[in-house]
Amino acid sequence: MHNVENAGDAARWGELVEGLHGRLEELVELFVTRVQEIPEYADNRVSLPELRNTARETFRRLIDGLRDERFRHSNSHGSQDSLARFSSELGAKRARAGISPEALISAVRLDFSILWADLLQISDTEDAVLLTSHVDQVWRVVDEFATQTHSSYSSERVRMAQEESNIRREFIARLFSKSELSADTISQAAAALVTDPEARFSIVAASGDAASKLRTIATQGGWLQPSQRLYVHEFGGSTYVFWALPRAQGAGSGSGGTARAYGASYSGAARQDEGPAYIPAAITGIPCGYVEGFSGLRALPSAARTAERLALLLQPADRGPLTAAAAWARLAKQQLQDAGLDLWADLESALAECRDGERERLTETVRNFLHTGNITTTAQELFCHRNTILNRLNRFQELTGIDLAVPAQAARLVVAWA
């Protein structure tokens, strides 16, 4: 008796499943109506014909999956492989259409609720126990479909992100590899990086531990603003990070306006005599070369070379970004040394004949005067009489031939002591 009842239940379940097949178009229209209540489906990211075709194939395969195990494999649409392939294709398609994972899940959930509601509608009161015994099967078939769809969706999103990242890296490499960039290269790179090619940019360069810190900060974000895009390039043992400066309304021109526009995102990092330098707060403690506010992607190669040179000039005492304003003398000294001119050696030779303690007093006085530019202020800071300062400056000129009152000669000294 038990086997007869089971056979009868299977036959009745088969009738209900066939009833669902007969109502396929009604299921499709109900799904299309309800899925368009989800905003991302309502804005035509997926066309109406595509929605209908997908819903029709989805319900056809799901209904075939509800057939009794004895009959499921006799139907071509009931193959689990067919449902798996379809769900994989669907997940990838929805990822490419820009549907969010939340919207995708909401749409897939509709399949179960619509199927179950229609089963209740076409069944009789006597079918209550039968439906109860099959609810797990309905849920399992839909859940397997949903799981496979979401897995395929996630894999496609990862692939798309990797592809996008590869494209960005390719164009960034192009920007760094050429000193003369064509208009087409700049335009294509700007599109790939989603940025304005004529915007103002800043760049930092570092190596070693500092480079590792830069990469970490760039990965974590939070550089200037939550929406700030950061672009990273690795080459020759150095790490470069550059970004576009947002257009701030009401900001004045020049660096001062930039600083006011960014507010607390920047911190002043230069002495008054070194010119303004406004450093992103995230990198204030990272020794690196820093070039601020250059104009457009066309200037990127030159700015990158400058940032790299500044990074090479970092000294142990440097605890943060080094700007050209702060390190111009170091840059000049390096350039002169590369050309075979050593101002430091010439100065050392000239001061060699100083008497005991005289060299230290002269050096201290001259350095202070170069910093203040004023005899009286130098005398006050060194607790000396004004005439003492004048005598020391005269003595320094006598030994070295450098007249500090002549800017070009004073500049030679600044560079030598850089």
Protein backbone atom coordinates (compact mmCIF):
# COMPACT_ATOMS: atom_id res chain seq x y z
CA MET A 1 0.00 0.00 0.00
CA HIS A 2 2.87 2.32 0.84
CA ASN A 3 4.47 1.81 -2.61
CA VAL A 4 1.17 2.50 -4.39
CA GLU A 5 0.80 5.75 -2.47
CA ASN A 6 4.34 6.76 -3.39
CA ALA A 7 3.65 5.99 -7.04
CA GLY A 8 0.49 8.06 -6.82
CA ASP A 9 2.34 10.95 -5.21
CA ALA A 10 5.00 10.84 -7.93
CA ALA A 11 2.34 10.87 -10.63
CA ARG A 12 0.54 13.80 -9.03
CA TRP A 13 3.79 15.68 -8.61
CA GLY A 14 4.51 15.08 -12.27
CA GLU A 15 1.12 16.57 -13.14
CA LEU A 16 1.86 19.69 -11.10
CA VAL A 17 5.26 20.09 -12.76
CA GLU A 18 3.65 19.74 -16.20
CA GLY A 19 1.13 22.33 -15.07
CA LEU A 20 4.01 24.73 -14.40
CA HIS A 21 5.33 24.05 -17.90
CA GLY A 22 1.95 24.94 -19.31
CA ARG A 23 2.04 28.27 -17.47
CA LEU A 24 5.57 29.18 -18.54
CA GLU A 25 4.64 32.44 -20.25
CA GLU A 26 2.60 33.57 -17.22
CA LEU A 27 5.62 32.90 -14.99
CA VAL A 28 7.83 34.87 -17.35
CA GLU A 29 5.58 37.93 -17.40
CA LEU A 30 5.20 37.87 -13.62
CA PHE A 31 8.98 37.72 -13.22
CA VAL A 32 9.56 40.57 -15.70
CA THR A 33 7.03 42.75 -13.89
CA ARG A 34 8.48 42.10 -10.46
CA VAL A 35 12.18 42.24 -11.42
CA GLN A 36 11.70 45.74 -12.84
CA GLU A 37 10.89 46.88 -9.32
CA ILE A 38 14.60 46.42 -8.63
CA PRO A 39 16.22 49.79 -9.58
CA GLU A 40 19.18 48.36 -11.51
CA TYR A 41 16.84 46.28 -13.68
CA ALA A 42 14.41 49.18 -14.07
CA ASP A 43 17.02 51.47 -15.67
CA ASN A 44 17.40 49.19 -18.73
CA ARG A 45 20.83 47.79 -17.91
CA VAL A 46 19.23 44.58 -19.17
CA SER A 47 16.83 45.01 -22.09
CA LEU A 48 13.22 43.83 -21.85
CA PRO A 49 13.63 41.16 -24.58
CA GLU A 50 16.73 39.88 -22.79
CA LEU A 51 14.84 39.73 -19.49
CA ARG A 52 12.01 37.74 -21.07
CA ASN A 53 14.29 35.29 -22.89
CA THR A 54 16.40 34.73 -19.78
CA ALA A 55 13.34 34.27 -17.55
CA ARG A 56 11.85 31.79 -20.02
CA GLU A 57 14.99 29.68 -20.16
CA THR A 58 15.47 29.92 -16.40
CA PHE A 59 11.98 28.73 -15.52
CA ARG A 60 12.08 26.01 -18.18
CA ARG A 61 15.25 24.55 -16.70
CA LEU A 62 14.14 24.98 -13.10
CA ILE A 63 10.82 23.27 -13.79
CA ASP A 64 12.63 20.39 -15.51
CA GLY A 65 14.78 20.17 -12.39
CA LEU A 66 11.60 19.57 -10.35
CA ARG A 67 10.70 16.42 -12.24
CA ASP A 68 10.76 13.15 -10.35
CA GLU A 69 14.25 11.60 -10.43
CA ARG A 70 12.99 8.75 -12.63
CA PHE A 71 11.93 11.13 -15.41
CA ARG A 72 14.37 14.01 -15.02
CA HIS A 73 17.11 12.67 -17.31
CA SER A 74 14.66 11.68 -20.06
CA ASN A 75 14.04 15.37 -20.77
CA SER A 76 16.80 17.31 -22.55
CA HIS A 77 16.02 20.48 -20.64
CA GLY A 78 16.13 18.65 -17.32
CA SER A 79 19.82 17.91 -17.44
CA GLN A 80 21.71 19.30 -14.47
CA ASP A 81 24.60 20.10 -16.79
CA SER A 82 22.29 22.20 -18.92
CA LEU A 83 21.10 24.16 -15.88
CA ALA A 84 24.69 24.59 -14.66
CA ARG A 85 25.88 25.87 -18.04
CA PHE A 86 22.96 28.26 -18.30
CA SER A 87 23.47 29.63 -14.77
CA SER A 88 27.19 30.13 -15.49
CA GLU A 89 26.41 32.09 -18.65
CA LEU A 90 23.77 34.13 -16.85
CA GLY A 91 26.07 35.10 -13.98
CA ALA A 92 28.78 36.27 -16.39
CA LYS A 93 26.27 38.24 -18.49
CA ARG A 94 24.87 40.05 -15.45
CA ALA A 95 28.38 40.94 -14.29
CA ARG A 96 29.17 42.44 -17.69
CA ALA A 97 25.88 44.36 -17.62
CA GLY A 98 26.95 46.09 -14.41
CA ILE A 99 24.31 44.54 -12.17
CA SER A 100 25.32 44.67 -8.51
CA PRO A 101 25.52 41.42 -6.50
CA GLU A 102 22.68 42.61 -4.28
CA ALA A 103 20.41 43.20 -7.29
CA LEU A 104 21.36 39.82 -8.77
CA ILE A 105 20.49 38.00 -5.54
CA SER A 106 17.16 39.84 -5.31
CA ALA A 107 16.30 38.80 -8.87
CA VAL A 108 17.23 35.14 -8.31
CA ARG A 109 15.14 35.03 -5.13
CA LEU A 110 12.12 35.89 -7.23
CA ASP A 111 12.43 32.52 -9.00
CA PHE A 112 11.61 30.54 -5.87
CA SER A 113 8.78 32.78 -4.69
CA ILE A 114 7.14 32.83 -8.15
CA LEU A 115 7.49 29.06 -8.66
CA TRP A 116 6.18 28.23 -5.20
CA ALA A 117 3.29 30.68 -5.44
CA ASP A 118 2.25 29.19 -8.79
CA LEU A 119 2.45 25.65 -7.40
CA LEU A 120 0.08 26.68 -4.63
CA GLN A 121 -2.22 28.25 -7.19
CA ILE A 122 -2.53 25.17 -9.45
CA SER A 123 -2.64 22.59 -6.66
CA ASP A 124 -5.71 21.28 -4.79
CA THR A 125 -6.33 21.27 -1.07
CA GLU A 126 -5.54 17.54 -1.04
CA ASP A 127 -2.04 18.30 -2.36
CA ALA A 128 -0.92 20.07 0.84
CA VAL A 129 1.05 17.10 2.17
CA LEU A 130 2.57 16.47 -1.28
CA LEU A 131 3.72 20.08 -1.57
CA THR A 132 5.16 19.98 1.92
CA SER A 133 7.19 16.89 1.03
CA HIS A 134 8.59 18.61 -2.09
CA VAL A 135 9.35 22.07 -0.74
CA ASP A 136 12.95 21.05 -0.04
CA GLN A 137 13.31 19.86 -3.63
CA VAL A 138 11.99 23.16 -5.01
CA TRP A 139 14.31 25.12 -2.75
CA ARG A 140 17.31 22.89 -3.55
CA VAL A 141 16.89 23.23 -7.32
CA VAL A 142 16.55 27.01 -7.12
CA ASP A 143 19.37 27.30 -4.58
CA GLU A 144 21.74 25.29 -6.78
CA PHE A 145 20.86 27.55 -9.68
CA ALA A 146 21.37 30.66 -7.52
CA THR A 147 24.70 29.40 -6.14
CA GLN A 148 26.08 28.60 -9.59
CA THR A 149 24.86 31.93 -10.98
CA HIS A 150 26.45 33.90 -8.14
CA SER A 151 29.70 31.93 -8.39
CA SER A 152 29.94 32.63 -12.11
CA TYR A 153 29.03 36.27 -11.49
CA SER A 154 31.80 36.63 -8.89
CA SER A 155 34.38 34.95 -11.13
CA GLU A 156 33.47 37.26 -14.01
CA ARG A 157 33.71 40.32 -11.77
CA VAL A 158 37.20 39.23 -10.67
CA ARG A 159 38.21 38.64 -14.29
CA MET A 160 36.83 42.05 -15.31
CA ALA A 161 38.64 43.76 -12.44
CA GLN A 162 41.90 42.04 -13.40
CA GLU A 163 41.39 43.02 -17.02
CA GLU A 164 40.66 46.61 -16.06
CA SER A 165 43.69 46.65 -13.77
CA ASN A 166 45.88 45.24 -16.54
CA ILE A 167 44.65 47.92 -18.95
CA ARG A 168 45.36 50.64 -16.39
CA ARG A 169 48.85 49.28 -15.73
CA GLU A 170 49.53 49.12 -19.46
CA PHE A 171 48.59 52.77 -20.01
CA ILE A 172 50.41 53.92 -16.88
CA ALA A 173 53.53 52.17 -18.17
CA ARG A 174 53.11 53.99 -21.47
CA LEU A 175 52.91 57.33 -19.67
CA PHE A 176 56.13 56.61 -17.79
CA SER A 177 58.03 55.17 -20.72
CA LYS A 178 57.94 58.18 -23.02
CA SER A 179 59.30 61.67 -22.55
CA GLU A 180 57.21 62.97 -25.46
CA LEU A 181 53.63 61.76 -25.23
CA SER A 182 51.34 61.90 -28.25
CA ALA A 183 47.85 63.36 -27.98
CA ASP A 184 46.37 59.91 -28.70
CA THR A 185 48.39 58.27 -25.93
CA ILE A 186 47.32 60.91 -23.42
CA SER A 187 43.67 60.69 -24.46
CA GLN A 188 43.60 56.90 -24.32
CA ALA A 189 45.42 56.81 -20.98
CA ALA A 190 43.05 59.38 -19.46
CA ALA A 191 40.06 57.28 -20.56
CA ALA A 192 41.57 54.11 -19.10
CA LEU A 193 42.43 55.88 -15.83
CA VAL A 194 39.07 57.71 -15.73
CA THR A 195 40.71 61.07 -15.19
CA ASP A 196 40.96 64.49 -16.80
CA PRO A 197 44.16 64.63 -18.91
CA GLU A 198 44.45 68.36 -18.26
CA ALA A 199 43.98 68.15 -14.49
CA ARG A 200 46.72 69.04 -12.03
CA PHE A 201 48.50 66.02 -10.58
CA SER A 202 50.97 65.25 -7.81
CA ILE A 203 53.43 62.35 -7.64
CA VAL A 204 55.68 60.70 -5.06
CA ALA A 205 58.55 58.26 -5.58
CA ALA A 206 60.32 56.01 -3.09
CA SER A 207 62.37 52.83 -2.79
CA GLY A 208 62.99 50.21 -0.11
CA ASP A 209 60.85 50.29 3.03
CA ALA A 210 59.37 53.65 2.08
CA ALA A 211 58.16 52.17 -1.22
CA SER A 212 56.47 49.33 0.65
CA LYS A 213 54.65 51.84 2.85
CA LEU A 214 53.54 53.81 -0.18
CA ARG A 215 52.09 50.67 -1.79
CA THR A 216 50.24 49.80 1.41
CA ILE A 217 48.69 53.25 1.71
CA ALA A 218 47.77 53.29 -1.99
CA THR A 219 46.06 49.90 -1.62
CA GLN A 220 44.15 50.90 1.50
CA GLY A 221 43.04 54.25 0.08
CA GLY A 222 42.26 57.23 2.31
CA TRP A 223 44.95 59.35 0.63
CA LEU A 224 43.23 62.67 0.21
CA GLN A 225 39.53 62.03 -0.10
CA PRO A 226 37.43 58.81 0.00
CA SER A 227 36.85 59.00 -3.76
CA GLN A 228 40.48 59.78 -4.64
CA ARG A 229 41.95 57.58 -7.36
CA LEU A 230 45.56 56.54 -6.85
CA TYR A 231 47.74 55.21 -9.64
CA VAL A 232 50.75 53.05 -8.82
CA HIS A 233 53.72 52.27 -11.05
CA GLU A 234 56.72 50.05 -10.27
CA PHE A 235 59.95 50.45 -12.18
CA GLY A 236 63.65 49.96 -11.55
CA GLY A 237 63.26 49.29 -7.82
CA SER A 238 61.21 52.45 -7.28
CA THR A 239 57.51 52.84 -6.53
CA TYR A 240 55.63 55.81 -7.93
CA VAL A 241 52.16 56.93 -6.82
CA PHE A 242 50.39 59.77 -8.57
CA TRP A 243 46.91 61.25 -8.32
CA ALA A 244 44.76 64.01 -9.77
CA LEU A 245 44.07 67.01 -7.58
CA PRO A 246 40.31 67.68 -7.33
CA ARG A 247 38.97 70.97 -8.56
CA ALA A 248 38.00 72.82 -5.37
CA GLN A 249 35.47 75.61 -5.70
CA GLY A 250 36.47 78.87 -4.14
CA ALA A 251 40.15 77.91 -3.92
CA GLY A 252 42.67 80.58 -4.74
CA SER A 253 45.30 80.13 -7.38
CA GLY A 254 48.66 78.61 -6.59
CA SER A 255 49.69 76.36 -3.74
CA GLY A 256 48.06 78.48 -1.05
CA GLY A 257 44.67 78.06 -2.69
CA THR A 258 45.28 74.36 -3.06
CA ALA A 259 46.06 74.02 0.62
CA ARG A 260 42.93 75.91 1.63
CA ALA A 261 40.86 73.75 -0.66
CA TYR A 262 42.15 70.52 0.90
CA GLY A 263 42.16 71.74 4.47
CA ALA A 264 43.29 69.11 6.91
CA SER A 265 44.21 66.68 4.13
CA TYR A 266 47.50 68.53 3.76
CA SER A 267 50.11 69.67 6.19
CA GLY A 268 52.78 72.33 5.71
CA ALA A 269 56.20 70.74 5.48
CA ALA A 270 58.58 73.50 4.46
CA ARG A 271 60.25 76.39 6.19
CA GLN A 272 59.25 79.85 5.11
CA ASP A 273 62.49 80.33 3.20
CA GLU A 274 61.94 77.10 1.28
CA GLY A 275 58.60 78.04 -0.22
CA PRO A 276 55.20 76.41 0.36
CA ALA A 277 54.83 72.65 0.27
CA TYR A 278 51.50 71.03 1.05
CA ILE A 279 51.84 67.34 1.79
CA PRO A 280 49.01 64.76 1.87
CA ALA A 281 48.60 63.80 5.51
CA ALA A 282 48.83 60.08 4.67
CA ILE A 283 52.47 60.40 3.57
CA THR A 284 53.83 62.99 5.99
CA GLY A 285 55.92 60.31 7.72
CA ILE A 286 57.23 58.55 4.60
CA PRO A 287 60.60 59.61 3.15
CA CYS A 288 59.98 60.04 -0.57
CA GLY A 289 60.46 62.44 -3.44
CA TYR A 290 57.38 64.62 -3.92
CA VAL A 291 56.35 66.81 -6.85
CA GLU A 292 53.17 68.76 -6.29
CA GLY A 293 50.67 70.20 -8.71
CA PHE A 294 52.16 69.66 -12.17
CA SER A 295 49.85 70.38 -15.11
CA GLY A 296 48.39 67.48 -17.05
CA LEU A 297 49.42 63.93 -17.90
CA ARG A 298 51.81 65.28 -20.53
CA ALA A 299 54.08 66.50 -17.72
CA LEU A 300 54.05 63.14 -15.90
CA PRO A 301 57.37 61.75 -17.27
CA SER A 302 59.27 64.87 -16.25
CA ALA A 303 57.59 65.01 -12.83
CA ALA A 304 58.37 61.32 -12.26
CA ARG A 305 62.06 61.88 -13.03
CA THR A 306 62.15 64.81 -10.62
CA ALA A 307 60.43 62.79 -7.88
CA GLU A 308 62.92 59.96 -8.42
CA ARG A 309 65.89 62.35 -8.20
CA LEU A 310 64.48 63.85 -5.01
CA ALA A 311 64.08 60.37 -3.53
CA LEU A 312 67.75 59.66 -4.28
CA LEU A 313 68.72 62.83 -2.39
CA LEU A 314 66.97 61.79 0.82
CA GLN A 315 69.18 61.88 3.91
CA PRO A 316 68.82 59.97 7.21
CA ALA A 317 67.49 63.11 8.89
CA ASP A 318 64.61 63.34 6.40
CA ARG A 319 61.45 61.95 7.96
CA GLY A 320 58.94 62.78 5.26
CA PRO A 321 58.45 63.84 1.64
CA LEU A 322 61.21 65.92 0.08
CA THR A 323 60.09 68.66 -2.30
CA ALA A 324 62.08 70.53 -4.91
CA ALA A 325 61.48 73.74 -2.94
CA ALA A 326 63.21 72.21 0.05
CA ALA A 327 65.93 70.37 -1.87
CA TRP A 328 66.82 72.64 -4.77
CA ALA A 329 70.33 73.13 -3.39
CA ARG A 330 70.83 69.36 -3.10
CA LEU A 331 69.67 68.95 -6.68
CA ALA A 332 72.03 71.64 -7.89
CA LYS A 333 74.94 70.14 -5.96
CA GLN A 334 74.29 66.70 -7.43
CA GLN A 335 74.11 68.13 -10.94
CA LEU A 336 77.41 69.98 -10.46
CA GLN A 337 79.10 66.89 -9.05
CA ASP A 338 77.88 64.87 -12.02
CA ALA A 339 79.56 67.49 -14.20
CA GLY A 340 82.81 67.14 -12.24
CA LEU A 341 82.49 70.33 -10.15
CA ASP A 342 82.85 69.93 -6.38
CA LEU A 343 82.04 73.20 -4.60
CA TRP A 344 82.40 71.49 -1.22
CA ALA A 345 86.00 70.48 -1.88
CA ASP A 346 86.87 74.01 -2.99
CA LEU A 347 85.34 75.43 0.19
CA GLU A 348 87.14 72.92 2.40
CA SER A 349 90.43 73.85 0.81
CA ALA A 350 89.82 77.58 1.31
CA LEU A 351 88.98 77.15 5.02
CA ALA A 352 91.91 74.85 5.74
CA GLU A 353 94.11 77.71 6.97
CA CYS A 354 91.65 78.74 9.71
CA ARG A 355 93.09 78.98 13.22
CA ASP A 356 91.81 76.84 16.15
CA GLY A 357 88.04 77.32 16.55
CA GLU A 358 87.92 79.98 13.87
CA ARG A 359 86.44 77.70 11.25
CA GLU A 360 83.53 76.70 13.50
CA ARG A 361 82.75 80.33 14.38
CA LEU A 362 82.91 81.45 10.75
CA THR A 363 80.77 78.55 9.53
CA GLU A 364 78.14 79.11 12.22
CA THR A 365 77.94 82.81 11.43
CA VAL A 366 77.73 82.39 7.67
CA ARG A 367 75.10 79.65 7.88
CA ASN A 368 72.98 81.80 10.18
CA PHE A 369 73.35 84.81 7.92
CA LEU A 370 72.34 82.77 4.88
CA HIS A 371 69.24 81.73 6.78
CA THR A 372 68.25 85.18 8.05
CA GLY A 373 69.75 87.47 5.41
CA ASN A 374 70.19 90.14 8.07
CA ILE A 375 73.28 91.23 10.05
CA THR A 376 71.35 92.48 13.08
CA THR A 377 69.18 89.36 13.34
CA THR A 378 72.24 87.13 13.02
CA ALA A 379 73.96 89.06 15.81
CA GLN A 380 70.93 88.68 18.07
CA GLU A 381 70.61 84.95 17.43
CA LEU A 382 74.33 84.33 18.06
CA PHE A 383 74.51 86.76 21.02
CA CYS A 384 77.27 88.75 19.34
CA HIS A 385 77.88 92.41 18.59
CA ARG A 386 76.94 93.49 15.07
CA ASN A 387 80.56 94.43 14.35
CA THR A 388 81.66 90.93 15.33
CA ILE A 389 79.35 89.48 12.70
CA LEU A 390 80.67 91.90 10.08
CA ASN A 391 84.28 91.01 10.96
CA ARG A 392 83.54 87.28 10.64
CA LEU A 393 81.82 87.74 7.26
CA ASN A 394 84.77 89.79 6.03
CA ARG A 395 87.19 87.14 7.25
CA PHE A 396 85.15 84.43 5.49
CA GLN A 397 85.29 86.46 2.25
CA GLU A 398 89.02 86.91 2.67
CA LEU A 399 89.55 83.16 2.96
CA THR A 400 87.10 81.92 0.32
CA GLY A 401 86.63 84.84 -2.04
CA ILE A 402 82.84 84.55 -1.59
CA ASP A 403 81.03 87.86 -1.06
CA LEU A 404 77.73 87.02 0.64
CA ALA A 405 76.29 90.34 -0.49
CA VAL A 406 76.39 89.05 -4.07
CA PRO A 407 73.46 86.60 -4.58
CA ALA A 408 75.23 84.51 -7.23
CA GLN A 409 78.20 83.94 -4.89
CA ALA A 410 75.98 83.26 -1.89
CA ALA A 411 74.10 80.67 -3.96
CA ARG A 412 77.35 78.80 -4.56
CA LEU A 413 77.79 78.51 -0.82
CA VAL A 414 74.20 77.33 -0.26
CA VAL A 415 74.73 74.61 -2.84
CA ALA A 416 78.11 73.58 -1.40
CA TRP A 417 76.60 73.14 2.06
CA ALA A 418 73.44 71.37 0.83
